[in-house]
């Protein structure tokens, strides 16, 4: 406690809501997210706009396609195993 002014000398830790408010986001955090967005776009072939909602929709769609293929492959493997047992 800072006795001279009667206030705590410790700066409160900002909440996630405070950190991610577009009006008050710290510049270093904004730069880090911009770099991450570019890396994700390049890695997954996203060619859309710089809109977070569109990017997330693209990634979720890609994830659904990838996981549905895994299900198909799993079913093929199970069917192959069942045939060999019969």
Protein backbone atom coordinates (compact mmCIF):
# COMPACT_ATOMS: atom_id res chain seq x y z
CA UNK A 1 0.00 0.00 0.00
CA UNK A 2 1.32 3.40 -0.93
CA UNK A 3 0.97 5.27 2.36
CA UNK A 4 1.64 8.71 0.83
CA UNK A 5 -1.49 8.72 -1.31
CA UNK A 6 -3.51 5.94 0.37
CA UNK A 7 -3.76 3.90 -2.86
CA UNK A 8 -2.31 0.58 -3.84
CA UNK A 9 1.01 0.89 -5.66
CA UNK A 10 0.20 -2.24 -7.67
CA UNK A 11 -1.30 -1.66 -11.12
CA UNK A 12 -4.37 -3.84 -11.61
CA UNK A 13 -4.10 -6.53 -14.29
CA UNK A 14 -6.42 -5.68 -17.19
CA UNK A 15 -9.21 -8.14 -17.97
CA UNK A 16 -9.41 -9.93 -21.32
CA UNK A 17 -12.32 -7.67 -22.18
CA UNK A 18 -10.09 -4.65 -21.58
CA UNK A 19 -7.18 -6.12 -23.54
CA UNK A 20 -9.31 -7.06 -26.55
CA UNK A 21 -11.39 -3.90 -26.74
CA UNK A 22 -10.46 -2.59 -30.22
CA UNK A 23 -10.44 0.98 -28.91
CA UNK A 24 -7.95 0.30 -26.13
CA UNK A 25 -5.98 -2.78 -27.25
CA UNK A 26 -2.27 -2.32 -26.53
CA UNK A 27 -0.35 -1.73 -29.79
CA UNK A 28 2.03 -4.64 -29.15
CA UNK A 29 -0.91 -7.03 -28.77
CA UNK A 30 -2.53 -5.71 -31.96
CA UNK A 31 0.76 -6.20 -33.88
CA UNK A 32 1.17 -9.73 -32.51
CA UNK A 33 -2.35 -10.64 -33.63
CA UNK A 34 -1.79 -9.15 -37.09
CA UNK A 35 1.37 -11.28 -37.49
CA UNK A 36 -0.47 -14.36 -36.27
CA UNK A 37 -3.34 -13.71 -38.70
CA UNK A 38 -0.88 -13.51 -41.61
CA UNK A 39 0.82 -16.75 -40.54
CA UNK A 40 -2.51 -18.59 -40.19
CA UNK A 41 -3.71 -17.22 -43.55
CA UNK A 42 -0.55 -18.47 -45.27
CA UNK A 43 -0.58 -21.85 -43.50
CA UNK A 44 -4.21 -22.66 -44.32
CA UNK A 45 -4.59 -20.87 -47.65
CA UNK A 46 -7.08 -18.23 -46.53
CA UNK A 47 -7.45 -15.60 -49.25
CA UNK A 48 -10.45 -13.69 -47.89
CA UNK A 49 -10.69 -10.32 -46.23
CA UNK A 50 -9.03 -9.30 -42.99
CA UNK A 51 -12.28 -9.96 -41.13
CA UNK A 52 -12.02 -12.16 -38.03
CA UNK A 53 -15.52 -13.62 -38.48
CA UNK A 54 -14.80 -14.65 -42.07
CA UNK A 55 -11.41 -16.09 -41.11
CA UNK A 56 -12.93 -18.13 -38.27
CA UNK A 57 -15.73 -19.38 -40.54
CA UNK A 58 -13.13 -20.47 -43.12
CA UNK A 59 -11.08 -22.29 -40.47
CA UNK A 60 -14.13 -24.02 -38.94
CA UNK A 61 -15.26 -25.15 -42.40
CA UNK A 62 -11.77 -26.49 -43.13
CA UNK A 63 -11.73 -28.29 -39.77
CA UNK A 64 -15.13 -29.88 -40.47
CA UNK A 65 -13.93 -31.10 -43.86
CA UNK A 66 -10.75 -32.55 -42.38
CA UNK A 67 -12.49 -34.31 -39.51
CA UNK A 68 -15.25 -35.69 -41.74
CA UNK A 69 -12.54 -37.30 -43.89
CA UNK A 70 -11.13 -38.92 -40.77
CA UNK A 71 -14.55 -40.41 -40.05
CA UNK A 72 -14.78 -41.81 -43.58
CA UNK A 73 -11.30 -43.34 -43.30
CA UNK A 74 -12.14 -44.77 -39.88
CA UNK A 75 -15.32 -46.35 -41.27
CA UNK A 76 -13.36 -47.85 -44.18
CA UNK A 77 -10.83 -49.34 -41.77
CA UNK A 78 -13.55 -50.77 -39.52
CA UNK A 79 -15.38 -52.25 -42.54
CA UNK A 80 -12.14 -53.77 -43.83
CA UNK A 81 -11.45 -55.31 -40.42
CA UNK A 82 -15.00 -56.70 -40.15
CA UNK A 83 -14.65 -58.32 -43.59
CA UNK A 84 -11.39 -60.00 -42.60
CA UNK A 85 -12.97 -61.40 -39.42
CA UNK A 86 -15.98 -62.91 -41.27
